[in-house]
PDB file of N, CA and C in Angstrom:
ATOM      1  N   MET A   1      77.785  85.500  64.740  1.00  0.00           N
ATOM      2  CA  MET A   1      77.624  85.573  66.170  1.00  0.00           C
ATOM      3  C   MET A   1      78.985  85.528  66.853  1.00  0.00           C
ATOM      4  N   LYS A   2      79.871  84.604  66.412  1.00  0.00           N
ATOM      5  CA  LYS A   2      81.202  84.516  67.006  1.00  0.00           C
ATOM      6  C   LYS A   2      81.991  85.792  66.749  1.00  0.00           C
ATOM      7  N   ALA A   3      81.836  86.382  65.572  1.00  0.00           N
ATOM      8  CA  ALA A   3      82.561  87.611  65.245  1.00  0.00           C
ATOM      9  C   ALA A   3      82.119  88.742  66.158  1.00  0.00           C
ATOM     10  N   ALA A   4      80.836  88.801  66.469  1.00  0.00           N
ATOM     11  CA  ALA A   4      80.323  89.853  67.348  1.00  0.00           C
ATOM     12  C   ALA A   4      80.869  89.681  68.765  1.00  0.00           C
ATOM     13  N   ARG A   5      80.932  88.452  69.240  1.00  0.00           N
ATOM     14  CA  ARG A   5      81.488  88.198  70.577  1.00  0.00           C
ATOM     15  C   ARG A   5      82.967  88.560  70.629  1.00  0.00           C
ATOM     16  N   PHE A   6      83.697  88.210  69.560  1.00  0.00           N
ATOM     17  CA  PHE A   6      85.116  88.541  69.512  1.00  0.00           C
ATOM     18  C   PHE A   6      85.304  90.055  69.505  1.00  0.00           C
ATOM     19  N   ALA A   7      84.522  90.756  68.714  1.00  0.00           N
ATOM     20  CA  ALA A   7      84.630  92.216  68.641  1.00  0.00           C
ATOM     21  C   ALA A   7      84.318  92.849  69.994  1.00  0.00           C
ATOM     22  N   LEU A   8      83.315  92.340  70.687  1.00  0.00           N
ATOM     23  CA  LEU A   8      82.968  92.859  72.003  1.00  0.00           C
ATOM     24  C   LEU A   8      84.087  92.593  72.999  1.00  0.00           C
ATOM     25  N   ALA A   9      84.656  91.391  72.958  1.00  0.00           N
ATOM     26  CA  ALA A   9      85.746  91.056  73.870  1.00  0.00           C
ATOM     27  C   ALA A   9      86.974  91.919  73.583  1.00  0.00           C
ATOM     28  N   ALA A  10      87.304  92.115  72.322  1.00  0.00           N
ATOM     29  CA  ALA A  10      88.461  92.929  71.952  1.00  0.00           C
ATOM     30  C   ALA A  10      88.262  94.380  72.382  1.00  0.00           C
ATOM     31  N   THR A  11      87.056  94.900  72.209  1.00  0.00           N
ATOM     32  CA  THR A  11      86.759  96.280  72.610  1.00  0.00           C
ATOM     33  C   THR A  11      86.877  96.426  74.113  1.00  0.00           C
ATOM     34  N   THR A  12      86.405  95.449  74.860  1.00  0.00           N
ATOM     35  CA  THR A  12      86.486  95.491  76.319  1.00  0.00           C
ATOM     36  C   THR A  12      87.937  95.474  76.783  1.00  0.00           C
ATOM     37  N   VAL A  13      88.759  94.629  76.170  1.00  0.00           N
ATOM     38  CA  VAL A  13      90.169  94.553  76.539  1.00  0.00           C
ATOM     39  C   VAL A  13      90.876  95.858  76.218  1.00  0.00           C
ATOM     40  N   LEU A  14      90.629  96.401  75.037  1.00  0.00           N
ATOM     41  CA  LEU A  14      91.281  97.649  74.646  1.00  0.00           C
ATOM     42  C   LEU A  14      90.810  98.830  75.483  1.00  0.00           C
ATOM     43  N   ALA A  15      89.594  98.809  75.961  1.00  0.00           N
ATOM     44  CA  ALA A  15      89.101  99.897  76.801  1.00  0.00           C
ATOM     45  C   ALA A  15      89.897  99.993  78.091  1.00  0.00           C
ATOM     46  N   GLY A  16      90.421  98.881  78.548  1.00  0.00           N
ATOM     47  CA  GLY A  16      91.247  98.886  79.750  1.00  0.00           C
ATOM     48  C   GLY A  16      92.563  99.609  79.548  1.00  0.00           C
ATOM     49  N   CYS A  17      92.967  99.827  78.288  1.00  0.00           N
ATOM     50  CA  CYS A  17      94.219 100.514  77.991  1.00  0.00           C
ATOM     51  C   CYS A  17      94.032 102.020  77.885  1.00  0.00           C
ATOM     52  N   ALA A  18      92.810 102.481  77.876  1.00  0.00           N
ATOM     53  CA  ALA A  18      92.539 103.911  77.724  1.00  0.00           C
ATOM     54  C   ALA A  18      93.008 104.668  78.956  1.00  0.00           C
ATOM     55  N   THR A  19      93.425 105.923  78.743  1.00  0.00           N
ATOM     56  CA  THR A  19      93.858 106.752  79.861  1.00  0.00           C
ATOM     57  C   THR A  19      92.802 107.786  80.166  1.00  0.00           C
ATOM     58  N   ASN A  20      92.981 108.487  81.268  1.00  0.00           N
ATOM     59  CA  ASN A  20      91.997 109.459  81.679  1.00  0.00           C
ATOM     60  C   ASN A  20      92.374 110.880  81.283  1.00  0.00           C
ATOM     61  N   GLY A  21      93.217 111.041  80.273  1.00  0.00           N
ATOM     62  CA  GLY A  21      93.503 112.359  79.762  1.00  0.00           C
ATOM     63  C   GLY A  21      94.730 113.028  80.354  1.00  0.00           C
ATOM     64  N   GLY A  22      95.665 112.285  80.885  1.00  0.00           N
ATOM     65  CA  GLY A  22      96.916 112.889  81.279  1.00  0.00           C
ATOM     66  C   GLY A  22      97.229 112.862  82.761  1.00  0.00           C
ATOM     67  N   GLU A  23      96.286 112.525  83.611  1.00  0.00           N
ATOM     68  CA  GLU A  23      96.601 112.442  85.032  1.00  0.00           C
ATOM     69  C   GLU A  23      97.473 111.220  85.281  1.00  0.00           C
ATOM     70  N   ALA A  24      98.473 111.371  86.113  1.00  0.00           N
ATOM     71  CA  ALA A  24      99.379 110.259  86.407  1.00  0.00           C
ATOM     72  C   ALA A  24      98.690 109.252  87.309  1.00  0.00           C
ATOM     73  N   THR A  25      98.842 107.984  86.965  1.00  0.00           N
ATOM     74  CA  THR A  25      98.344 106.916  87.827  1.00  0.00           C
ATOM     75  C   THR A  25      99.389 106.665  88.898  1.00  0.00           C
ATOM     76  N   PRO A  26      99.050 105.945  89.963  1.00  0.00           N
ATOM     77  CA  PRO A  26     100.054 105.675  91.002  1.00  0.00           C
ATOM     78  C   PRO A  26     101.314 105.019  90.456  1.00  0.00           C
ATOM     79  N   ASP A  27     101.188 104.143  89.438  1.00  0.00           N
ATOM     80  CA  ASP A  27     102.355 103.487  88.864  1.00  0.00           C
ATOM     81  C   ASP A  27     103.228 104.458  88.087  1.00  0.00           C
ATOM     82  N   GLN A  28     102.637 105.526  87.553  1.00  0.00           N
ATOM     83  CA  GLN A  28     103.370 106.489  86.754  1.00  0.00           C
ATOM     84  C   GLN A  28     103.913 107.638  87.591  1.00  0.00           C
ATOM     85  N   ALA A  29     103.446 107.781  88.805  1.00  0.00           N
ATOM     86  CA  ALA A  29     103.886 108.888  89.638  1.00  0.00           C
ATOM     87  C   ALA A  29     105.376 108.754  89.933  1.00  0.00           C
ATOM     88  N   ALA A  30     106.034 109.877  90.077  1.00  0.00           N
ATOM     89  CA  ALA A  30     107.469 109.879  90.362  1.00  0.00           C
ATOM     90  C   ALA A  30     107.733 109.233  91.721  1.00  0.00           C
ATOM     91  N   THR A  31     108.813 108.494  91.795  1.00  0.00           N
ATOM     92  CA  THR A  31     109.193 107.848  93.052  1.00  0.00           C
ATOM     93  C   THR A  31     109.708 108.922  93.998  1.00  0.00           C
ATOM     94  N   PRO A  32     109.152 109.030  95.190  1.00  0.00           N
ATOM     95  CA  PRO A  32     109.640 110.026  96.129  1.00  0.00           C
ATOM     96  C   PRO A  32     111.099 109.760  96.489  1.00  0.00           C
ATOM     97  N   ALA A  33     111.841 110.819  96.728  1.00  0.00           N
ATOM     98  CA  ALA A  33     113.256 110.673  97.068  1.00  0.00           C
ATOM     99  C   ALA A  33     113.431 109.808  98.302  1.00  0.00           C
ATOM    100  N   SER A  34     112.458 109.835  99.202  1.00  0.00           N
ATOM    101  CA  SER A  34     112.572 109.044 100.425  1.00  0.00           C
ATOM    102  C   SER A  34     112.462 107.543 100.164  1.00  0.00           C
ATOM    103  N   MET A  35     112.058 107.137  98.969  1.00  0.00           N
ATOM    104  CA  MET A  35     111.919 105.723  98.640  1.00  0.00           C
ATOM    105  C   MET A  35     113.038 105.251  97.714  1.00  0.00           C
ATOM    106  N   THR A  36     114.069 106.056  97.511  1.00  0.00           N
ATOM    107  CA  THR A  36     115.193 105.662  96.686  1.00  0.00           C
ATOM    108  C   THR A  36     116.136 104.805  97.517  1.00  0.00           C
ATOM    109  N   CYS A  37     116.566 103.701  96.962  1.00  0.00           N
ATOM    110  CA  CYS A  37     117.426 102.759  97.670  1.00  0.00           C
ATOM    111  C   CYS A  37     118.830 103.319  97.872  1.00  0.00           C
ATOM    112  N   ASP A  38     119.363 103.106  99.054  1.00  0.00           N
ATOM    113  CA  ASP A  38     120.756 103.386  99.386  1.00  0.00           C
ATOM    114  C   ASP A  38     121.264 102.166 100.143  1.00  0.00           C
ATOM    115  N   ALA A  39     122.024 101.316  99.469  1.00  0.00           N
ATOM    116  CA  ALA A  39     122.458 100.048 100.063  1.00  0.00           C
ATOM    117  C   ALA A  39     123.534 100.226 101.130  1.00  0.00           C
ATOM    118  N   GLY A  40     124.187 101.358 101.170  1.00  0.00           N
ATOM    119  CA  GLY A  40     125.265 101.586 102.127  1.00  0.00           C
ATOM    120  C   GLY A  40     124.901 101.281 103.567  1.00  0.00           C
ATOM    121  N   PRO A  41     123.828 101.882 104.092  1.00  0.00           N
ATOM    122  CA  PRO A  41     123.471 101.636 105.486  1.00  0.00           C
ATOM    123  C   PRO A  41     123.067 100.185 105.795  1.00  0.00           C
ATOM    124  N   ALA A  42     122.784  99.389 104.766  1.00  0.00           N
ATOM    125  CA  ALA A  42     122.344  98.007 104.989  1.00  0.00           C
ATOM    126  C   ALA A  42     123.475  96.993 104.844  1.00  0.00           C
ATOM    127  N   GLN A  43     124.687  97.441 104.575  1.00  0.00           N
ATOM    128  CA  GLN A  43     125.797  96.515 104.330  1.00  0.00           C
ATOM    129  C   GLN A  43     126.154  95.666 105.545  1.00  0.00           C
ATOM    130  N   TYR A  44     125.880  96.165 106.735  1.00  0.00           N
ATOM    131  CA  TYR A  44     126.233  95.372 107.918  1.00  0.00           C
ATOM    132  C   TYR A  44     125.387  94.108 108.052  1.00  0.00           C
ATOM    133  N   HIS A  45     124.350  93.958 107.237  1.00  0.00           N
ATOM    134  CA  HIS A  45     123.522  92.746 107.259  1.00  0.00           C
ATOM    135  C   HIS A  45     124.194  91.584 106.524  1.00  0.00           C
ATOM    136  N   VAL A  46     125.222  91.879 105.707  1.00  0.00           N
ATOM    137  CA  VAL A  46     125.937  90.812 105.001  1.00  0.00           C
ATOM    138  C   VAL A  46     126.541  89.872 106.042  1.00  0.00           C
ATOM    139  N   GLY A  47     126.308  88.577 105.858  1.00  0.00           N
ATOM    140  CA  GLY A  47     126.779  87.566 106.797  1.00  0.00           C
ATOM    141  C   GLY A  47     125.714  87.109 107.775  1.00  0.00           C
ATOM    142  N   HIS A  48     124.637  87.868 107.886  1.00  0.00           N
ATOM    143  CA  HIS A  48     123.535  87.478 108.772  1.00  0.00           C
ATOM    144  C   HIS A  48     122.620  86.483 108.069  1.00  0.00           C
ATOM    145  N   ASP A  49     121.722  85.859 108.832  1.00  0.00           N
ATOM    146  CA  ASP A  49     120.756  84.919 108.271  1.00  0.00           C
ATOM    147  C   ASP A  49     119.726  85.646 107.413  1.00  0.00           C
ATOM    148  N   ALA A  50     119.351  85.018 106.300  1.00  0.00           N
ATOM    149  CA  ALA A  50     118.330  85.564 105.407  1.00  0.00           C
ATOM    150  C   ALA A  50     116.959  85.160 105.947  1.00  0.00           C
ATOM    151  N   THR A  51     116.350  86.033 106.725  1.00  0.00           N
ATOM    152  CA  THR A  51     115.033  85.788 107.314  1.00  0.00           C
ATOM    153  C   THR A  51     114.101  86.927 106.943  1.00  0.00           C
ATOM    154  N   ALA A  52     112.826  86.729 107.173  1.00  0.00           N
ATOM    155  CA  ALA A  52     111.848  87.784 106.900  1.00  0.00           C
ATOM    156  C   ALA A  52     112.143  89.018 107.752  1.00  0.00           C
ATOM    157  N   ALA A  53     112.511  88.807 109.004  1.00  0.00           N
ATOM    158  CA  ALA A  53     112.821  89.933 109.889  1.00  0.00           C
ATOM    159  C   ALA A  53     114.045  90.695 109.388  1.00  0.00           C
ATOM    160  N   MET A  54     115.053  89.971 108.904  1.00  0.00           N
ATOM    161  CA  MET A  54     116.248  90.614 108.371  1.00  0.00           C
ATOM    162  C   MET A  54     115.910  91.365 107.090  1.00  0.00           C
ATOM    163  N   GLY A  55     115.044  90.787 106.274  1.00  0.00           N
ATOM    164  CA  GLY A  55     114.603  91.475 105.061  1.00  0.00           C
ATOM    165  C   GLY A  55     113.913  92.787 105.388  1.00  0.00           C
ATOM    166  N   ALA A  56     113.066  92.771 106.409  1.00  0.00           N
ATOM    167  CA  ALA A  56     112.371  94.005 106.821  1.00  0.00           C
ATOM    168  C   ALA A  56     113.377  95.039 107.318  1.00  0.00           C
ATOM    169  N   ALA A  57     114.396  94.604 108.046  1.00  0.00           N
ATOM    170  CA  ALA A  57     115.419  95.523 108.539  1.00  0.00           C
ATOM    171  C   ALA A  57     116.222  96.114 107.379  1.00  0.00           C
ATOM    172  N   ILE A  58     116.554  95.295 106.388  1.00  0.00           N
ATOM    173  CA  ILE A  58     117.300  95.773 105.217  1.00  0.00           C
ATOM    174  C   ILE A  58     116.464  96.773 104.445  1.00  0.00           C
ATOM    175  N   LEU A  59     115.193  96.478 104.289  1.00  0.00           N
ATOM    176  CA  LEU A  59     114.291  97.392 103.592  1.00  0.00           C
ATOM    177  C   LEU A  59     114.260  98.750 104.298  1.00  0.00           C
ATOM    178  N   LYS A  60     114.140  98.723 105.602  1.00  0.00           N
ATOM    179  CA  LYS A  60     114.105  99.957 106.391  1.00  0.00           C
ATOM    180  C   LYS A  60     115.429 100.704 106.304  1.00  0.00           C
ATOM    181  N   ASP A  61     116.534  99.989 106.492  1.00  0.00           N
ATOM    182  CA  ASP A  61     117.852 100.626 106.489  1.00  0.00           C
ATOM    183  C   ASP A  61     118.215 101.218 105.127  1.00  0.00           C
ATOM    184  N   SER A  62     117.784 100.572 104.061  1.00  0.00           N
ATOM    185  CA  SER A  62     118.130 101.035 102.712  1.00  0.00           C
ATOM    186  C   SER A  62     117.219 102.151 102.232  1.00  0.00           C
ATOM    187  N   GLY A  63     116.046 102.294 102.848  1.00  0.00           N
ATOM    188  CA  GLY A  63     115.090 103.303 102.401  1.00  0.00           C
ATOM    189  C   GLY A  63     114.338 102.916 101.146  1.00  0.00           C
ATOM    190  N   ALA A  64     114.499 101.676 100.697  1.00  0.00           N
ATOM    191  CA  ALA A  64     113.843 101.214  99.472  1.00  0.00           C
ATOM    192  C   ALA A  64     112.372 100.924  99.708  1.00  0.00           C
ATOM    193  N   ARG A  65     111.630 100.891  98.621  1.00  0.00           N
ATOM    194  CA  ARG A  65     110.207 100.575  98.686  1.00  0.00           C
ATOM    195  C   ARG A  65     109.974  99.076  98.612  1.00  0.00           C
ATOM    196  N   THR A  66     110.797  98.368  97.832  1.00  0.00           N
ATOM    197  CA  THR A  66     110.607  96.931  97.656  1.00  0.00           C
ATOM    198  C   THR A  66     111.917  96.186  97.867  1.00  0.00           C
ATOM    199  N   LEU A  67     111.787  94.907  98.177  1.00  0.00           N
ATOM    200  CA  LEU A  67     112.938  94.035  98.407  1.00  0.00           C
ATOM    201  C   LEU A  67     112.836  92.847  97.468  1.00  0.00           C
ATOM    202  N   ARG A  68     113.969  92.471  96.886  1.00  0.00           N
ATOM    203  CA  ARG A  68     114.010  91.285  96.019  1.00  0.00           C
ATOM    204  C   ARG A  68     115.061  90.339  96.564  1.00  0.00           C
ATOM    205  N   TRP A  69     114.636  89.117  96.915  1.00  0.00           N
ATOM    206  CA  TRP A  69     115.550  88.091  97.401  1.00  0.00           C
ATOM    207  C   TRP A  69     116.192  87.388  96.214  1.00  0.00           C
ATOM    208  N   GLY A  70     117.467  87.070  96.339  1.00  0.00           N
ATOM    209  CA  GLY A  70     118.194  86.339  95.304  1.00  0.00           C
ATOM    210  C   GLY A  70     118.704  85.023  95.841  1.00  0.00           C
ATOM    211  N   PRO A  71     117.961  83.939  95.612  1.00  0.00           N
ATOM    212  CA  PRO A  71     118.387  82.626  96.086  1.00  0.00           C
ATOM    213  C   PRO A  71     119.702  82.199  95.429  1.00  0.00           C
ATOM    214  N   PRO A  72     120.374  81.229  96.008  1.00  0.00           N
ATOM    215  CA  PRO A  72     121.632  80.754  95.424  1.00  0.00           C
ATOM    216  C   PRO A  72     121.427  80.197  94.018  1.00  0.00           C
ATOM    217  N   ASN A  73     122.406  80.456  93.167  1.00  0.00           N
ATOM    218  CA  ASN A  73     122.419  79.934  91.789  1.00  0.00           C
ATOM    219  C   ASN A  73     121.192  80.324  90.984  1.00  0.00           C
ATOM    220  N   SER A  74     120.651  81.496  91.211  1.00  0.00           N
ATOM    221  CA  SER A  74     119.461  81.925  90.469  1.00  0.00           C
ATOM    222  C   SER A  74     119.809  83.084  89.539  1.00  0.00           C
ATOM    223  N   ALA A  75     119.031  83.207  88.496  1.00  0.00           N
ATOM    224  CA  ALA A  75     119.194  84.305  87.546  1.00  0.00           C
ATOM    225  C   ALA A  75     118.200  85.407  87.887  1.00  0.00           C
ATOM    226  N   TRP A  76     118.587  86.646  87.616  1.00  0.00           N
ATOM    227  CA  TRP A  76     117.713  87.801  87.847  1.00  0.00           C
ATOM    228  C   TRP A  76     117.525  88.557  86.553  1.00  0.00           C
ATOM    229  N   THR A  77     116.410  89.233  86.454  1.00  0.00           N
ATOM    230  CA  THR A  77     116.216  90.138  85.333  1.00  0.00           C
ATOM    231  C   THR A  77     117.161  91.318  85.529  1.00  0.00           C
ATOM    232  N   MET A  78     117.483  92.007  84.469  1.00  0.00           N
ATOM    233  CA  MET A  78     118.423  93.122  84.541  1.00  0.00           C
ATOM    234  C   MET A  78     117.722  94.478  84.630  1.00  0.00           C
ATOM    235  N   ASP A  79     116.424  94.480  84.874  1.00  0.00           N
ATOM    236  CA  ASP A  79     115.731  95.751  84.999  1.00  0.00           C
ATOM    237  C   ASP A  79     116.221  96.494  86.235  1.00  0.00           C
ATOM    238  N   TYR A  80     116.399  97.795  86.100  1.00  0.00           N
ATOM    239  CA  TYR A  80     116.897  98.598  87.211  1.00  0.00           C
ATOM    240  C   TYR A  80     115.745  99.387  87.813  1.00  0.00           C
ATOM    241  N   ARG A  81     115.598  99.283  89.115  1.00  0.00           N
ATOM    242  CA  ARG A  81     114.580 100.065  89.829  1.00  0.00           C
ATOM    243  C   ARG A  81     115.253 100.760  90.996  1.00  0.00           C
ATOM    244  N   GLU A  82     115.215 102.069  90.988  1.00  0.00           N
ATOM    245  CA  GLU A  82     115.898 102.831  92.033  1.00  0.00           C
ATOM    246  C   GLU A  82     115.227 102.702  93.392  1.00  0.00           C
ATOM    247  N   ASP A  83     114.028 102.140  93.421  1.00  0.00           N
ATOM    248  CA  ASP A  83     113.315 101.987  94.692  1.00  0.00           C
ATOM    249  C   ASP A  83     113.371 100.551  95.234  1.00  0.00           C
ATOM    250  N   ARG A  84     114.300  99.724  94.691  1.00  0.00           N
ATOM    251  CA  ARG A  84     114.355  98.321  95.101  1.00  0.00           C
ATOM    252  C   ARG A  84     115.737  97.966  95.666  1.00  0.00           C
ATOM    253  N   VAL A  85     115.726  97.212  96.745  1.00  0.00           N
ATOM    254  CA  VAL A  85     116.958  96.662  97.310  1.00  0.00           C
ATOM    255  C   VAL A  85     116.992  95.174  96.990  1.00  0.00           C
ATOM    256  N   ASN A  86     118.158  94.700  96.559  1.00  0.00           N
ATOM    257  CA  ASN A  86     118.363  93.302  96.197  1.00  0.00           C
ATOM    258  C   ASN A  86     119.203  92.626  97.273  1.00  0.00           C
ATOM    259  N   VAL A  87     118.778  91.468  97.710  1.00  0.00           N
ATOM    260  CA  VAL A  87     119.503  90.731  98.749  1.00  0.00           C
ATOM    261  C   VAL A  87     119.761  89.319  98.253  1.00  0.00           C
ATOM    262  N   ARG A  88     121.024  89.005  98.060  1.00  0.00           N
ATOM    263  CA  ARG A  88     121.412  87.647  97.659  1.00  0.00           C
ATOM    264  C   ARG A  88     121.850  86.872  98.902  1.00  0.00           C
ATOM    265  N   TYR A  89     121.581  85.569  98.874  1.00  0.00           N
ATOM    266  CA  TYR A  89     121.996  84.705  99.976  1.00  0.00           C
ATOM    267  C   TYR A  89     122.497  83.377  99.423  1.00  0.00           C
ATOM    268  N   ASP A  90     123.251  82.657 100.249  1.00  0.00           N
ATOM    269  CA  ASP A  90     123.859  81.406  99.802  1.00  0.00           C
ATOM    270  C   ASP A  90     123.057  80.186 100.263  1.00  0.00           C
ATOM    271  N   GLU A  91     123.616  79.017 100.015  1.00  0.00           N
ATOM    272  CA  GLU A  91     122.946  77.761 100.360  1.00  0.00           C
ATOM    273  C   GLU A  91     122.708  77.611 101.855  1.00  0.00           C
ATOM    274  N   LYS A  92     123.491  78.299 102.657  1.00  0.00           N
ATOM    275  CA  LYS A  92     123.351  78.237 104.113  1.00  0.00           C
ATOM    276  C   LYS A  92     122.419  79.322 104.644  1.00  0.00           C
ATOM    277  N   MET A  93     121.737  79.998 103.723  1.00  0.00           N
ATOM    278  CA  MET A  93     120.792  81.081 104.067  1.00  0.00           C
ATOM    279  C   MET A  93     121.499  82.272 104.721  1.00  0.00           C
ATOM    280  N   LYS A  94     122.751  82.506 104.338  1.00  0.00           N
ATOM    281  CA  LYS A  94     123.513  83.651 104.820  1.00  0.00           C
ATOM    282  C   LYS A  94     123.507  84.716 103.721  1.00  0.00           C
ATOM    283  N   ILE A  95     123.264  85.950 104.101  1.00  0.00           N
ATOM    284  CA  ILE A  95     123.246  87.061 103.158  1.00  0.00           C
ATOM    285  C   ILE A  95     124.669  87.295 102.647  1.00  0.00           C
ATOM    286  N   THR A  96     124.803  87.338 101.322  1.00  0.00           N
ATOM    287  CA  THR A  96     126.123  87.525 100.717  1.00  0.00           C
ATOM    288  C   THR A  96     126.283  88.874 100.041  1.00  0.00           C
ATOM    289  N   ASP A  97     125.176  89.550  99.709  1.00  0.00           N
ATOM    290  CA  ASP A  97     125.265  90.793  98.952  1.00  0.00           C
ATOM    291  C   ASP A  97     123.990  91.613  99.130  1.00  0.00           C
ATOM    292  N   VAL A  98     124.147  92.911  99.306  1.00  0.00           N
ATOM    293  CA  VAL A  98     123.013  93.841  99.373  1.00  0.00           C
ATOM    294  C   VAL A  98     123.306  94.961  98.391  1.00  0.00           C
ATOM    295  N   THR A  99     122.454  95.084  97.364  1.00  0.00           N
ATOM    296  CA  THR A  99     122.641  96.110  96.341  1.00  0.00           C
ATOM    297  C   THR A  99     121.317  96.782  96.034  1.00  0.00           C
ATOM    298  N   CYS A 100     121.377  97.844  95.285  1.00  0.00           N
ATOM    299  CA  CYS A 100     120.163  98.525  94.837  1.00  0.00           C
ATOM    300  C   CYS A 100     119.946  98.233  93.356  1.00  0.00           C
ATOM    301  N   GLY A 101     118.707  98.366  92.949  1.00  0.00           N
ATOM    302  CA  GLY A 101     118.390  98.206  91.541  1.00  0.00           C
ATOM    303  C   GLY A 101     117.371  97.263  91.265  1.00  0.00           C
TER     304      GLY A 101
END
C-alpha cells in the first residue's frame, strides 16, 4: 500500500515536469529588448535615500524588469540577469551603487 502511494506521488510530481511539446512558457520566452537593464540613466540616484519610491524610479530609469536591493555587508548570488537592476545601499540607507545583472 505504501509503495503504491509513493509511486502515485512520484508520478504526480514528475508529471509537473512534462512540457507541452515545444511551445515556450512565459519563463522561457525571450526577454524583450525594452526590458534589458541599462544602469547609465539611473546613476544619478547614487547618494539618494534607498526608499521604495526611489527603487521604482531606478527601475523605470534603467528599463529593467526587476530590482534587487543589496543591503550593507550582504552577499549576493553571482547569477547574471540582463533584465535586473541591482541597487546597493549603506548603513545610512544611502544608495552607493546601481548596476545591471
